[in-house]
Amino acid sequence: MATACKHPRVRIVSRHEDTEYVECLECGEVFDSEEFHDMAIEETAETANDLAEDE
Protein backbone atom coordinates (compact mmCIF):
# COMPACT_ATOMS: atom_id res chain seq x y z
CA MET A 1 0.00 0.00 0.00
CA ALA A 2 1.33 3.46 -0.87
CA THR A 3 2.01 5.91 1.93
CA ALA A 4 0.10 9.16 1.88
CA CYS A 5 2.11 12.21 0.89
CA LYS A 6 2.55 14.65 3.76
CA HIS A 7 3.19 17.49 1.30
CA PRO A 8 6.61 18.51 2.65
CA ARG A 9 7.19 21.08 -0.12
CA VAL A 10 4.50 23.23 -1.68
CA ARG A 11 4.34 26.26 -3.93
CA ILE A 12 1.57 28.81 -4.49
CA VAL A 13 -0.01 28.29 -7.90
CA SER A 14 -2.98 30.67 -7.76
CA ARG A 15 -4.58 33.42 -5.72
CA HIS A 16 -8.28 34.17 -6.09
CA GLU A 17 -9.87 36.81 -3.84
CA ASP A 18 -9.02 35.70 -0.27
CA THR A 19 -7.92 32.18 -1.20
CA GLU A 20 -4.49 30.82 -2.14
CA TYR A 21 -4.06 27.50 -3.88
CA VAL A 22 -0.88 25.52 -3.42
CA GLU A 23 0.61 22.56 -5.27
CA CYS A 24 2.62 19.84 -3.57
CA LEU A 25 5.98 19.55 -5.33
CA GLU A 26 6.18 15.85 -4.34
CA CYS A 27 2.82 14.42 -5.47
CA GLY A 28 1.34 17.24 -7.58
CA GLU A 29 -1.88 17.59 -5.57
CA VAL A 30 -3.39 21.10 -5.64
CA PHE A 31 -5.40 22.32 -2.68
CA ASP A 32 -6.50 25.39 -0.76
CA SER A 33 -3.72 26.72 1.48
CA GLU A 34 -6.19 26.74 4.38
CA GLU A 35 -6.53 22.95 3.92
CA PHE A 36 -2.75 22.68 4.05
CA HIS A 37 -2.70 24.60 7.33
CA ASP A 38 -5.43 22.31 8.74
CA MET A 39 -3.46 19.19 7.69
CA ALA A 40 -0.40 20.46 9.57
CA ILE A 41 -2.47 21.02 12.71
CA GLU A 42 -3.99 17.53 12.48
CA GLU A 43 -0.57 15.94 11.99
CA THR A 44 0.81 17.78 15.04
CA ALA A 45 -2.15 16.59 17.13
CA GLU A 46 -1.72 13.00 15.95
CA THR A 47 1.98 13.07 16.80
CA ALA A 48 1.21 14.42 20.27
CA ASN A 49 -1.39 11.66 20.78
CA ASP A 50 1.06 8.98 19.64
CA LEU A 51 3.69 10.24 22.08
CA ALA A 52 1.16 10.31 24.94
CA GLU A 53 0.11 6.71 24.19
CA ASP A 54 3.73 5.52 24.25
CA GLU A 55 4.24 6.76 27.82
PDB file of N, CA and C in Angstrom:
ATOM      1  N   MET A   1       0.849  -1.178   0.000  1.00  0.00           N
ATOM      2  CA  MET A   1       0.000   0.000   0.000  1.00  0.00           C
ATOM      3  C   MET A   1       0.895   1.243   0.000  1.00  0.00           C
ATOM      4  N   ALA A   2       0.545   2.226  -0.773  1.00  0.00           N
ATOM      5  CA  ALA A   2       1.333   3.456  -0.872  1.00  0.00           C
ATOM      6  C   ALA A   2       1.096   4.340   0.354  1.00  0.00           C
ATOM      7  N   THR A   3       2.152   4.981   0.801  1.00  0.00           N
ATOM      8  CA  THR A   3       2.013   5.909   1.929  1.00  0.00           C
ATOM      9  C   THR A   3       1.477   7.237   1.421  1.00  0.00           C
ATOM     10  N   ALA A   4       0.672   7.871   2.246  1.00  0.00           N
ATOM     11  CA  ALA A   4       0.099   9.165   1.883  1.00  0.00           C
ATOM     12  C   ALA A   4       1.182  10.231   1.916  1.00  0.00           C
ATOM     13  N   CYS A   5       1.148  11.110   0.946  1.00  0.00           N
ATOM     14  CA  CYS A   5       2.106  12.206   0.887  1.00  0.00           C
ATOM     15  C   CYS A   5       1.770  13.211   1.989  1.00  0.00           C
ATOM     16  N   LYS A   6       2.772  13.656   2.707  1.00  0.00           N
ATOM     17  CA  LYS A   6       2.553  14.649   3.760  1.00  0.00           C
ATOM     18  C   LYS A   6       2.814  16.057   3.256  1.00  0.00           C
ATOM     19  N   HIS A   7       3.002  16.196   1.956  1.00  0.00           N
ATOM     20  CA  HIS A   7       3.191  17.486   1.296  1.00  0.00           C
ATOM     21  C   HIS A   7       4.288  18.319   1.965  1.00  0.00           C
ATOM     22  N   PRO A   8       5.520  17.792   1.968  1.00  0.00           N
ATOM     23  CA  PRO A   8       6.613  18.508   2.646  1.00  0.00           C
ATOM     24  C   PRO A   8       7.046  19.794   1.946  1.00  0.00           C
ATOM     25  N   ARG A   9       6.808  19.875   0.634  1.00  0.00           N
ATOM     26  CA  ARG A   9       7.194  21.083  -0.122  1.00  0.00           C
ATOM     27  C   ARG A   9       6.031  21.491  -1.010  1.00  0.00           C
ATOM     28  N   VAL A  10       5.597  22.736  -0.857  1.00  0.00           N
ATOM     29  CA  VAL A  10       4.499  23.234  -1.682  1.00  0.00           C
ATOM     30  C   VAL A  10       4.884  24.575  -2.282  1.00  0.00           C
ATOM     31  N   ARG A  11       4.160  24.934  -3.351  1.00  0.00           N
ATOM     32  CA  ARG A  11       4.337  26.261  -3.934  1.00  0.00           C
ATOM     33  C   ARG A  11       2.962  26.825  -4.247  1.00  0.00           C
ATOM     34  N   ILE A  12       2.828  28.138  -4.175  1.00  0.00           N
ATOM     35  CA  ILE A  12       1.566  28.806  -4.487  1.00  0.00           C
ATOM     36  C   ILE A  12       1.398  28.797  -5.999  1.00  0.00           C
ATOM     37  N   VAL A  13       0.245  28.334  -6.456  1.00  0.00           N
ATOM     38  CA  VAL A  13      -0.010  28.291  -7.895  1.00  0.00           C
ATOM     39  C   VAL A  13      -1.083  29.277  -8.334  1.00  0.00           C
ATOM     40  N   SER A  14      -1.912  29.744  -7.389  1.00  0.00           N
ATOM     41  CA  SER A  14      -2.978  30.669  -7.763  1.00  0.00           C
ATOM     42  C   SER A  14      -3.479  31.412  -6.530  1.00  0.00           C
ATOM     43  N   ARG A  15      -3.909  32.638  -6.758  1.00  0.00           N
ATOM     44  CA  ARG A  15      -4.579  33.422  -5.716  1.00  0.00           C
ATOM     45  C   ARG A  15      -5.875  33.924  -6.326  1.00  0.00           C
ATOM     46  N   HIS A  16      -6.969  33.707  -5.612  1.00  0.00           N
ATOM     47  CA  HIS A  16      -8.275  34.169  -6.086  1.00  0.00           C
ATOM     48  C   HIS A  16      -9.007  34.761  -4.896  1.00  0.00           C
ATOM     49  N   GLU A  17      -9.253  36.070  -4.938  1.00  0.00           N
ATOM     50  CA  GLU A  17      -9.867  36.806  -3.840  1.00  0.00           C
ATOM     51  C   GLU A  17      -9.081  36.542  -2.552  1.00  0.00           C
ATOM     52  N   ASP A  18      -9.696  35.930  -1.548  1.00  0.00           N
ATOM     53  CA  ASP A  18      -9.019  35.697  -0.269  1.00  0.00           C
ATOM     54  C   ASP A  18      -8.426  34.297  -0.153  1.00  0.00           C
ATOM     55  N   THR A  19      -8.351  33.564  -1.248  1.00  0.00           N
ATOM     56  CA  THR A  19      -7.916  32.175  -1.203  1.00  0.00           C
ATOM     57  C   THR A  19      -6.637  31.972  -2.007  1.00  0.00           C
ATOM     58  N   GLU A  20      -5.700  31.221  -1.425  1.00  0.00           N
ATOM     59  CA  GLU A  20      -4.490  30.822  -2.140  1.00  0.00           C
ATOM     60  C   GLU A  20      -4.582  29.322  -2.394  1.00  0.00           C
ATOM     61  N   TYR A  21      -4.121  28.918  -3.563  1.00  0.00           N
ATOM     62  CA  TYR A  21      -4.065  27.497  -3.884  1.00  0.00           C
ATOM     63  C   TYR A  21      -2.600  27.107  -4.008  1.00  0.00           C
ATOM     64  N   VAL A  22      -2.261  25.985  -3.396  1.00  0.00           N
ATOM     65  CA  VAL A  22      -0.883  25.517  -3.421  1.00  0.00           C
ATOM     66  C   VAL A  22      -0.806  24.148  -4.074  1.00  0.00           C
ATOM     67  N   GLU A  23       0.367  23.850  -4.639  1.00  0.00           N
ATOM     68  CA  GLU A  23       0.614  22.555  -5.267  1.00  0.00           C
ATOM     69  C   GLU A  23       1.749  21.880  -4.522  1.00  0.00           C
ATOM     70  N   CYS A  24       1.562  20.616  -4.195  1.00  0.00           N
ATOM     71  CA  CYS A  24       2.621  19.836  -3.572  1.00  0.00           C
ATOM     72  C   CYS A  24       3.658  19.512  -4.641  1.00  0.00           C
ATOM     73  N   LEU A  25       4.919  19.819  -4.360  1.00  0.00           N
ATOM     74  CA  LEU A  25       5.981  19.546  -5.326  1.00  0.00           C
ATOM     75  C   LEU A  25       6.371  18.069  -5.347  1.00  0.00           C
ATOM     76  N   GLU A  26       5.879  17.291  -4.390  1.00  0.00           N
ATOM     77  CA  GLU A  26       6.180  15.854  -4.343  1.00  0.00           C
ATOM     78  C   GLU A  26       5.150  15.032  -5.123  1.00  0.00           C
ATOM     79  N   CYS A  27       3.854  15.258  -4.849  1.00  0.00           N
ATOM     80  CA  CYS A  27       2.820  14.419  -5.469  1.00  0.00           C
ATOM     81  C   CYS A  27       1.981  15.148  -6.515  1.00  0.00           C
ATOM     82  N   GLY A  28       2.069  16.484  -6.573  1.00  0.00           N
ATOM     83  CA  GLY A  28       1.336  17.244  -7.580  1.00  0.00           C
ATOM     84  C   GLY A  28      -0.071  17.625  -7.190  1.00  0.00           C
ATOM     85  N   GLU A  29      -0.522  17.250  -6.001  1.00  0.00           N
ATOM     86  CA  GLU A  29      -1.876  17.589  -5.571  1.00  0.00           C
ATOM     87  C   GLU A  29      -1.996  19.105  -5.382  1.00  0.00           C
ATOM     88  N   VAL A  30      -3.124  19.673  -5.808  1.00  0.00           N
ATOM     89  CA  VAL A  30      -3.390  21.097  -5.643  1.00  0.00           C
ATOM     90  C   VAL A  30      -4.536  21.234  -4.655  1.00  0.00           C
ATOM     91  N   PHE A  31      -4.372  22.130  -3.676  1.00  0.00           N
ATOM     92  CA  PHE A  31      -5.405  22.317  -2.677  1.00  0.00           C
ATOM     93  C   PHE A  31      -5.339  23.723  -2.108  1.00  0.00           C
ATOM     94  N   ASP A  32      -6.378  24.096  -1.417  1.00  0.00           N
ATOM     95  CA  ASP A  32      -6.504  25.389  -0.758  1.00  0.00           C
ATOM     96  C   ASP A  32      -5.454  25.472   0.349  1.00  0.00           C
ATOM     97  N   SER A  33      -4.769  26.590   0.467  1.00  0.00           N
ATOM     98  CA  SER A  33      -3.724  26.717   1.478  1.00  0.00           C
ATOM     99  C   SER A  33      -4.286  26.577   2.890  1.00  0.00           C
ATOM    100  N   GLU A  34      -5.558  26.915   3.074  1.00  0.00           N
ATOM    101  CA  GLU A  34      -6.185  26.735   4.385  1.00  0.00           C
ATOM    102  C   GLU A  34      -6.268  25.247   4.726  1.00  0.00           C
ATOM    103  N   GLU A  35      -6.544  24.403   3.726  1.00  0.00           N
ATOM    104  CA  GLU A  35      -6.533  22.951   3.922  1.00  0.00           C
ATOM    105  C   GLU A  35      -5.158  22.484   4.363  1.00  0.00           C
ATOM    106  N   PHE A  36      -4.123  23.035   3.725  1.00  0.00           N
ATOM    107  CA  PHE A  36      -2.745  22.677   4.051  1.00  0.00           C
ATOM    108  C   PHE A  36      -2.450  23.023   5.505  1.00  0.00           C
ATOM    109  N   HIS A  37      -2.890  24.177   5.943  1.00  0.00           N
ATOM    110  CA  HIS A  37      -2.698  24.600   7.330  1.00  0.00           C
ATOM    111  C   HIS A  37      -3.418  23.632   8.267  1.00  0.00           C
ATOM    112  N   ASP A  38      -4.655  23.250   7.920  1.00  0.00           N
ATOM    113  CA  ASP A  38      -5.427  22.311   8.741  1.00  0.00           C
ATOM    114  C   ASP A  38      -4.751  20.947   8.813  1.00  0.00           C
ATOM    115  N   MET A  39      -4.161  20.480   7.699  1.00  0.00           N
ATOM    116  CA  MET A  39      -3.464  19.194   7.688  1.00  0.00           C
ATOM    117  C   MET A  39      -2.279  19.223   8.649  1.00  0.00           C
ATOM    118  N   ALA A  40      -1.555  20.328   8.686  1.00  0.00           N
ATOM    119  CA  ALA A  40      -0.396  20.458   9.570  1.00  0.00           C
ATOM    120  C   ALA A  40      -0.832  20.405  11.030  1.00  0.00           C
ATOM    121  N   ILE A  41      -1.955  21.043  11.344  1.00  0.00           N
ATOM    122  CA  ILE A  41      -2.475  21.025  12.712  1.00  0.00           C
ATOM    123  C   ILE A  41      -2.875  19.606  13.098  1.00  0.00           C
ATOM    124  N   GLU A  42      -3.572  18.898  12.199  1.00  0.00           N
ATOM    125  CA  GLU A  42      -3.992  17.527  12.484  1.00  0.00           C
ATOM    126  C   GLU A  42      -2.785  16.618  12.690  1.00  0.00           C
ATOM    127  N   GLU A  43      -1.759  16.765  11.868  1.00  0.00           N
ATOM    128  CA  GLU A  43      -0.572  15.942  11.986  1.00  0.00           C
ATOM    129  C   GLU A  43       0.124  16.188  13.323  1.00  0.00           C
ATOM    130  N   THR A  44       0.197  17.435  13.754  1.00  0.00           N
ATOM    131  CA  THR A  44       0.808  17.775  15.040  1.00  0.00           C
ATOM    132  C   THR A  44       0.016  17.138  16.180  1.00  0.00           C
ATOM    133  N   ALA A  45      -1.301  17.189  16.094  1.00  0.00           N
ATOM    134  CA  ALA A  45      -2.151  16.595  17.128  1.00  0.00           C
ATOM    135  C   ALA A  45      -1.981  15.087  17.160  1.00  0.00           C
ATOM    136  N   GLU A  46      -1.914  14.440  16.002  1.00  0.00           N
ATOM    137  CA  GLU A  46      -1.723  12.996  15.945  1.00  0.00           C
ATOM    138  C   GLU A  46      -0.382  12.600  16.549  1.00  0.00           C
ATOM    139  N   THR A  47       0.661  13.352  16.254  1.00  0.00           N
ATOM    140  CA  THR A  47       1.984  13.067  16.800  1.00  0.00           C
ATOM    141  C   THR A  47       1.965  13.198  18.325  1.00  0.00           C
ATOM    142  N   ALA A  48       1.314  14.224  18.828  1.00  0.00           N
ATOM    143  CA  ALA A  48       1.208  14.418  20.274  1.00  0.00           C
ATOM    144  C   ALA A  48       0.443  13.266  20.911  1.00  0.00           C
ATOM    145  N   ASN A  49      -0.630  12.797  20.255  1.00  0.00           N
ATOM    146  CA  ASN A  49      -1.394  11.661  20.779  1.00  0.00           C
ATOM    147  C   ASN A  49      -0.562  10.394  20.784  1.00  0.00           C
ATOM    148  N   ASP A  50       0.196  10.169  19.733  1.00  0.00           N
ATOM    149  CA  ASP A  50       1.058   8.982  19.642  1.00  0.00           C
ATOM    150  C   ASP A  50       2.090   8.987  20.753  1.00  0.00           C
ATOM    151  N   LEU A  51       2.677  10.132  21.018  1.00  0.00           N
ATOM    152  CA  LEU A  51       3.688  10.243  22.078  1.00  0.00           C
ATOM    153  C   LEU A  51       3.057   9.991  23.450  1.00  0.00           C
ATOM    154  N   ALA A  52       1.846  10.498  23.660  1.00  0.00           N
ATOM    155  CA  ALA A  52       1.159  10.306  24.935  1.00  0.00           C
ATOM    156  C   ALA A  52       0.818   8.830  25.149  1.00  0.00           C
ATOM    157  N   GLU A  53       0.449   8.126  24.090  1.00  0.00           N
ATOM    158  CA  GLU A  53       0.108   6.708  24.190  1.00  0.00           C
ATOM    159  C   GLU A  53       1.327   5.851  24.495  1.00  0.00           C
ATOM    160  N   ASP A  54       2.497   6.276  24.034  1.00  0.00           N
ATOM    161  CA  ASP A  54       3.727   5.520  24.252  1.00  0.00           C
ATOM    162  C   ASP A  54       4.204   5.582  25.692  1.00  0.00           C
ATOM    163  N   GLU A  55       3.761   6.590  26.431  1.00  0.00           N
ATOM    164  CA  GLU A  55       4.236   6.758  27.820  1.00  0.00           C
ATOM    165  C   GLU A  55       3.552   5.833  28.759  1.00  0.00           C
TER     166      GLU A  55
END
